[in-house]
């Protein structure tokens, strides 16, 4: 089976999955075959794809350990094709932390895996206190207090810059 782009994601509250679905749609609209997989059910051969995009969200300061393990175990195969990685986190809502070279979570992930994907980016996530169980809500509020973010909001705040997501997708179909 010949695939063009595999998109693998790890999403806690759904925003990373939503970003990946948008990437898939944009790629398909531009004539590129793209398949979407959760890290929990990816069992394909990486080298069956021309490109792999991996998107992972942050929870309590860390990406899903399954993503890190996947990259470490498949670094050689990822090096044989075009690869991309993006992190989704609320820190990226801040202008001084919304680029690949300024986002601490992205930098730490790439350093810890010693992986050098061809394309890298970071997107701000979504803040929705109504989705979080009590402990998570309390922890996120504490983190937001420290980072000068909203600690109380009646409705969800989507920080994701969809134009930037479109520009990221464009890197895969524009020469």
C-alpha atoms as a PDB file:
ATOM      1  CA  UNK A   1       0.000   0.000   0.000  1.00  0.00           C
ATOM      2  CA  UNK A   2       1.534   3.304  -1.051  1.00  0.00           C
ATOM      3  CA  UNK A   3       0.861   6.181   1.342  1.00  0.00           C
ATOM      4  CA  UNK A   4       2.048   9.707   0.968  1.00  0.00           C
ATOM      5  CA  UNK A   5       1.804  11.287   4.434  1.00  0.00           C
ATOM      6  CA  UNK A   6       1.113   9.656   7.772  1.00  0.00           C
ATOM      7  CA  UNK A   7      -0.065  11.938  10.554  1.00  0.00           C
ATOM      8  CA  UNK A   8       0.418  10.537  14.049  1.00  0.00           C
ATOM      9  CA  UNK A   9      -0.958  12.352  17.065  1.00  0.00           C
ATOM     10  CA  UNK A  10      -1.213  12.233  20.819  1.00  0.00           C
ATOM     11  CA  UNK A  11      -4.055  14.343  22.179  1.00  0.00           C
ATOM     12  CA  UNK A  12      -5.356  14.635  25.735  1.00  0.00           C
ATOM     13  CA  UNK A  13      -8.336  16.967  25.356  1.00  0.00           C
ATOM     14  CA  UNK A  14      -8.782  16.788  21.588  1.00  0.00           C
ATOM     15  CA  UNK A  15      -7.086  19.967  20.317  1.00  0.00           C
ATOM     16  CA  UNK A  16      -4.044  18.189  18.867  1.00  0.00           C
ATOM     17  CA  UNK A  17      -6.332  15.729  17.109  1.00  0.00           C
ATOM     18  CA  UNK A  18      -8.365  18.665  15.763  1.00  0.00           C
ATOM     19  CA  UNK A  19      -5.171  20.289  14.429  1.00  0.00           C
ATOM     20  CA  UNK A  20      -4.144  16.991  12.799  1.00  0.00           C
ATOM     21  CA  UNK A  21      -7.576  16.608  11.209  1.00  0.00           C
ATOM     22  CA  UNK A  22      -7.217  20.126   9.789  1.00  0.00           C
ATOM     23  CA  UNK A  23      -3.762  19.265   8.420  1.00  0.00           C
ATOM     24  CA  UNK A  24      -5.150  16.103   6.846  1.00  0.00           C
ATOM     25  CA  UNK A  25      -7.993  18.053   5.221  1.00  0.00           C
ATOM     26  CA  UNK A  26      -5.649  20.750   3.882  1.00  0.00           C
ATOM     27  CA  UNK A  27      -3.277  18.153   2.461  1.00  0.00           C
ATOM     28  CA  UNK A  28      -6.105  16.201   0.832  1.00  0.00           C
ATOM     29  CA  UNK A  29      -7.550  19.390  -0.659  1.00  0.00           C
ATOM     30  CA  UNK A  30      -4.187  19.823  -2.350  1.00  0.00           C
ATOM     31  CA  UNK A  31      -4.112  16.337  -3.826  1.00  0.00           C
ATOM     32  CA  UNK A  32      -1.952  14.688  -1.185  1.00  0.00           C
ATOM     33  CA  UNK A  33      -3.011  11.411   0.364  1.00  0.00           C
ATOM     34  CA  UNK A  34      -2.824  11.738   4.154  1.00  0.00           C
ATOM     35  CA  UNK A  35      -3.778   9.188   6.784  1.00  0.00           C
ATOM     36  CA  UNK A  36      -4.447  10.017  10.417  1.00  0.00           C
ATOM     37  CA  UNK A  37      -3.428   7.753  13.306  1.00  0.00           C
ATOM     38  CA  UNK A  38      -3.498   7.997  17.076  1.00  0.00           C
ATOM     39  CA  UNK A  39      -0.167   7.002  18.606  1.00  0.00           C
ATOM     40  CA  UNK A  40      -2.204   4.316  20.384  1.00  0.00           C
ATOM     41  CA  UNK A  41      -3.090   2.517  17.153  1.00  0.00           C
ATOM     42  CA  UNK A  42      -0.260   3.247  14.718  1.00  0.00           C
ATOM     43  CA  UNK A  43       1.109  -0.063  13.455  1.00  0.00           C
ATOM     44  CA  UNK A  44       2.218   0.815   9.927  1.00  0.00           C
ATOM     45  CA  UNK A  45       5.721   0.715   8.507  1.00  0.00           C
ATOM     46  CA  UNK A  46       7.105   4.242   8.704  1.00  0.00           C
ATOM     47  CA  UNK A  47       8.983   3.865   5.441  1.00  0.00           C
ATOM     48  CA  UNK A  48       5.731   3.068   3.608  1.00  0.00           C
ATOM     49  CA  UNK A  49       5.130   6.836   3.846  1.00  0.00           C
ATOM     50  CA  UNK A  50       6.910   9.607   2.007  1.00  0.00           C
ATOM     51  CA  UNK A  51       6.461  11.826   5.057  1.00  0.00           C
ATOM     52  CA  UNK A  52       5.469  11.432   8.692  1.00  0.00           C
ATOM     53  CA  UNK A  53       4.022  14.281  10.731  1.00  0.00           C
ATOM     54  CA  UNK A  54       3.880  13.803  14.498  1.00  0.00           C
ATOM     55  CA  UNK A  55       1.799  16.110  16.670  1.00  0.00           C
ATOM     56  CA  UNK A  56       1.795  15.895  20.454  1.00  0.00           C
ATOM     57  CA  UNK A  57       0.171  17.855  23.218  1.00  0.00           C
ATOM     58  CA  UNK A  58       1.609  18.764  26.582  1.00  0.00           C
ATOM     59  CA  UNK A  59       0.114  17.690  29.906  1.00  0.00           C
ATOM     60  CA  UNK A  60       1.845  18.715  33.135  1.00  0.00           C
ATOM     61  CA  UNK A  61       4.914  19.857  31.259  1.00  0.00           C
ATOM     62  CA  UNK A  62       5.485  16.673  29.249  1.00  0.00           C
ATOM     63  CA  UNK A  63       4.580  15.145  25.922  1.00  0.00           C
ATOM     64  CA  UNK A  64       2.976  11.704  26.031  1.00  0.00           C
ATOM     65  CA  UNK A  65       5.757   9.193  26.838  1.00  0.00           C
ATOM     66  CA  UNK A  66       4.444   7.019  23.976  1.00  0.00           C
ATOM     67  CA  UNK A  67       5.427   9.754  21.507  1.00  0.00           C
ATOM     68  CA  UNK A  68       8.921  10.046  22.931  1.00  0.00           C
ATOM     69  CA  UNK A  69       9.337   6.243  22.931  1.00  0.00           C
ATOM     70  CA  UNK A  70       8.025   6.069  19.345  1.00  0.00           C
ATOM     71  CA  UNK A  71      10.545   8.647  18.149  1.00  0.00           C
ATOM     72  CA  UNK A  72      13.434   7.003  20.003  1.00  0.00           C
ATOM     73  CA  UNK A  73      12.558   3.530  18.694  1.00  0.00           C
ATOM     74  CA  UNK A  74      12.022   4.731  15.113  1.00  0.00           C
ATOM     75  CA  UNK A  75      14.597   7.488  14.719  1.00  0.00           C
ATOM     76  CA  UNK A  76      16.486   5.615  12.010  1.00  0.00           C
ATOM     77  CA  UNK A  77      13.335   5.026   9.927  1.00  0.00           C
ATOM     78  CA  UNK A  78      12.231   8.636  10.481  1.00  0.00           C
ATOM     79  CA  UNK A  79      15.608   9.725   9.137  1.00  0.00           C
ATOM     80  CA  UNK A  80      14.967   7.860   5.874  1.00  0.00           C
ATOM     81  CA  UNK A  81      11.884   9.908   4.986  1.00  0.00           C
ATOM     82  CA  UNK A  82      10.701  13.486   5.402  1.00  0.00           C
ATOM     83  CA  UNK A  83       9.640  13.953   9.008  1.00  0.00           C
ATOM     84  CA  UNK A  84       7.909  16.710  10.924  1.00  0.00           C
ATOM     85  CA  UNK A  85       7.024  17.344  14.544  1.00  0.00           C
ATOM     86  CA  UNK A  86       4.837  19.888  16.254  1.00  0.00           C
ATOM     87  CA  UNK A  87       3.973  20.459  19.880  1.00  0.00           C
ATOM     88  CA  UNK A  88       0.641  21.800  21.107  1.00  0.00           C
ATOM     89  CA  UNK A  89       0.741  23.657  24.401  1.00  0.00           C
ATOM     90  CA  UNK A  90      -0.779  26.621  26.176  1.00  0.00           C
ATOM     91  CA  UNK A  91       2.589  28.287  26.747  1.00  0.00           C
ATOM     92  CA  UNK A  92       2.654  28.859  22.971  1.00  0.00           C
ATOM     93  CA  UNK A  93      -0.163  31.375  23.444  1.00  0.00           C
ATOM     94  CA  UNK A  94       2.589  33.805  24.466  1.00  0.00           C
ATOM     95  CA  UNK A  95       4.358  35.626  21.672  1.00  0.00           C
ATOM     96  CA  UNK A  96       7.803  34.951  23.129  1.00  0.00           C
ATOM     97  CA  UNK A  97       7.143  31.170  23.355  1.00  0.00           C
ATOM     98  CA  UNK A  98       5.274  30.467  20.103  1.00  0.00           C
ATOM     99  CA  UNK A  99       8.140  29.508  17.813  1.00  0.00           C
ATOM    100  CA  UNK A 100      10.117  26.295  17.517  1.00  0.00           C
ATOM    101  CA  UNK A 101      13.261  27.997  18.791  1.00  0.00           C
ATOM    102  CA  UNK A 102      11.562  29.674  21.773  1.00  0.00           C
ATOM    103  CA  UNK A 103       9.080  27.090  23.040  1.00  0.00           C
ATOM    104  CA  UNK A 104      10.610  25.318  26.047  1.00  0.00           C
ATOM    105  CA  UNK A 105       8.550  22.120  25.655  1.00  0.00           C
ATOM    106  CA  UNK A 106       9.464  21.675  22.016  1.00  0.00           C
ATOM    107  CA  UNK A 107      13.136  22.415  22.641  1.00  0.00           C
ATOM    108  CA  UNK A 108      13.249  19.969  25.560  1.00  0.00           C
ATOM    109  CA  UNK A 109      11.556  17.214  23.509  1.00  0.00           C
ATOM    110  CA  UNK A 110      13.941  17.545  20.588  1.00  0.00           C
ATOM    111  CA  UNK A 111      16.943  17.620  22.929  1.00  0.00           C
ATOM    112  CA  UNK A 112      15.780  14.585  24.918  1.00  0.00           C
ATOM    113  CA  UNK A 113      15.170  12.521  21.783  1.00  0.00           C
ATOM    114  CA  UNK A 114      18.144  13.939  19.867  1.00  0.00           C
ATOM    115  CA  UNK A 115      15.834  13.937  16.837  1.00  0.00           C
ATOM    116  CA  UNK A 116      16.100  16.474  14.042  1.00  0.00           C
ATOM    117  CA  UNK A 117      12.857  16.405  12.041  1.00  0.00           C
ATOM    118  CA  UNK A 118      12.847  18.251   8.723  1.00  0.00           C
ATOM    119  CA  UNK A 119       9.971  20.496   9.764  1.00  0.00           C
ATOM    120  CA  UNK A 120       9.180  21.671  13.287  1.00  0.00           C
ATOM    121  CA  UNK A 121       6.543  23.980  14.726  1.00  0.00           C
ATOM    122  CA  UNK A 122       4.523  24.721  17.815  1.00  0.00           C
ATOM    123  CA  UNK A 123       0.858  25.663  18.100  1.00  0.00           C
ATOM    124  CA  UNK A 124      -1.053  27.085  21.002  1.00  0.00           C
ATOM    125  CA  UNK A 125      -3.749  24.812  22.341  1.00  0.00           C
ATOM    126  CA  UNK A 126      -7.184  25.297  23.802  1.00  0.00           C
ATOM    127  CA  UNK A 127      -8.117  26.132  27.377  1.00  0.00           C
ATOM    128  CA  UNK A 128     -11.411  24.615  28.476  1.00  0.00           C
ATOM    129  CA  UNK A 129     -11.800  24.255  32.228  1.00  0.00           C
ATOM    130  CA  UNK A 130     -15.175  22.531  31.747  1.00  0.00           C
ATOM    131  CA  UNK A 131     -13.421  19.486  30.224  1.00  0.00           C
ATOM    132  CA  UNK A 132     -11.033  18.910  33.106  1.00  0.00           C
ATOM    133  CA  UNK A 133     -11.670  16.692  36.120  1.00  0.00           C
ATOM    134  CA  UNK A 134     -11.274  18.482  39.469  1.00  0.00           C
ATOM    135  CA  UNK A 135      -7.555  17.772  39.969  1.00  0.00           C
ATOM    136  CA  UNK A 136      -6.640  18.691  36.390  1.00  0.00           C
ATOM    137  CA  UNK A 137      -8.699  21.881  36.580  1.00  0.00           C
ATOM    138  CA  UNK A 138      -6.931  22.834  39.807  1.00  0.00           C
ATOM    139  CA  UNK A 139      -3.484  22.093  38.328  1.00  0.00           C
ATOM    140  CA  UNK A 140      -4.160  23.980  35.084  1.00  0.00           C
ATOM    141  CA  UNK A 141      -5.445  26.982  37.064  1.00  0.00           C
ATOM    142  CA  UNK A 142      -2.284  26.916  39.158  1.00  0.00           C
ATOM    143  CA  UNK A 143      -0.099  26.764  36.044  1.00  0.00           C
ATOM    144  CA  UNK A 144      -2.113  29.573  34.446  1.00  0.00           C
ATOM    145  CA  UNK A 145      -1.708  31.685  37.565  1.00  0.00           C
ATOM    146  CA  UNK A 146       2.076  31.278  37.359  1.00  0.00           C
ATOM    147  CA  UNK A 147       2.121  32.036  33.634  1.00  0.00           C
ATOM    148  CA  UNK A 148      -0.275  34.984  33.935  1.00  0.00           C
ATOM    149  CA  UNK A 149      -3.073  33.266  32.023  1.00  0.00           C
ATOM    150  CA  UNK A 150      -6.810  33.187  32.723  1.00  0.00           C
ATOM    151  CA  UNK A 151      -7.676  31.218  35.859  1.00  0.00           C
ATOM    152  CA  UNK A 152     -11.409  31.505  35.399  1.00  0.00           C
ATOM    153  CA  UNK A 153     -13.312  31.624  32.155  1.00  0.00           C
ATOM    154  CA  UNK A 154     -16.952  30.749  31.480  1.00  0.00           C
ATOM    155  CA  UNK A 155     -16.220  29.338  28.032  1.00  0.00           C
ATOM    156  CA  UNK A 156     -13.359  27.689  26.205  1.00  0.00           C
ATOM    157  CA  UNK A 157     -10.579  29.795  24.741  1.00  0.00           C
ATOM    158  CA  UNK A 158      -9.052  28.436  21.567  1.00  0.00           C
ATOM    159  CA  UNK A 159      -5.567  29.895  21.177  1.00  0.00           C
ATOM    160  CA  UNK A 160      -4.688  27.874  18.062  1.00  0.00           C
ATOM    161  CA  UNK A 161      -3.646  30.066  15.147  1.00  0.00           C
ATOM    162  CA  UNK A 162      -5.370  28.263  12.271  1.00  0.00           C
ATOM    163  CA  UNK A 163      -3.613  30.370   9.656  1.00  0.00           C
ATOM    164  CA  UNK A 164      -0.322  29.141  11.036  1.00  0.00           C
ATOM    165  CA  UNK A 165      -1.587  25.552  10.854  1.00  0.00           C
ATOM    166  CA  UNK A 166      -2.445  26.193   7.197  1.00  0.00           C
ATOM    167  CA  UNK A 167       1.071  27.546   6.594  1.00  0.00           C
ATOM    168  CA  UNK A 168       2.554  24.431   8.189  1.00  0.00           C
ATOM    169  CA  UNK A 169       0.484  22.197   5.898  1.00  0.00           C
ATOM    170  CA  UNK A 170       1.545  24.285   2.921  1.00  0.00           C
ATOM    171  CA  UNK A 171       5.170  23.274   3.529  1.00  0.00           C
ATOM    172  CA  UNK A 172       4.218  19.781   2.337  1.00  0.00           C
ATOM    173  CA  UNK A 173       2.702  20.763  -1.002  1.00  0.00           C
ATOM    174  CA  UNK A 174       4.494  23.946  -2.023  1.00  0.00           C
ATOM    175  CA  UNK A 175       7.888  23.525  -3.721  1.00  0.00           C
END
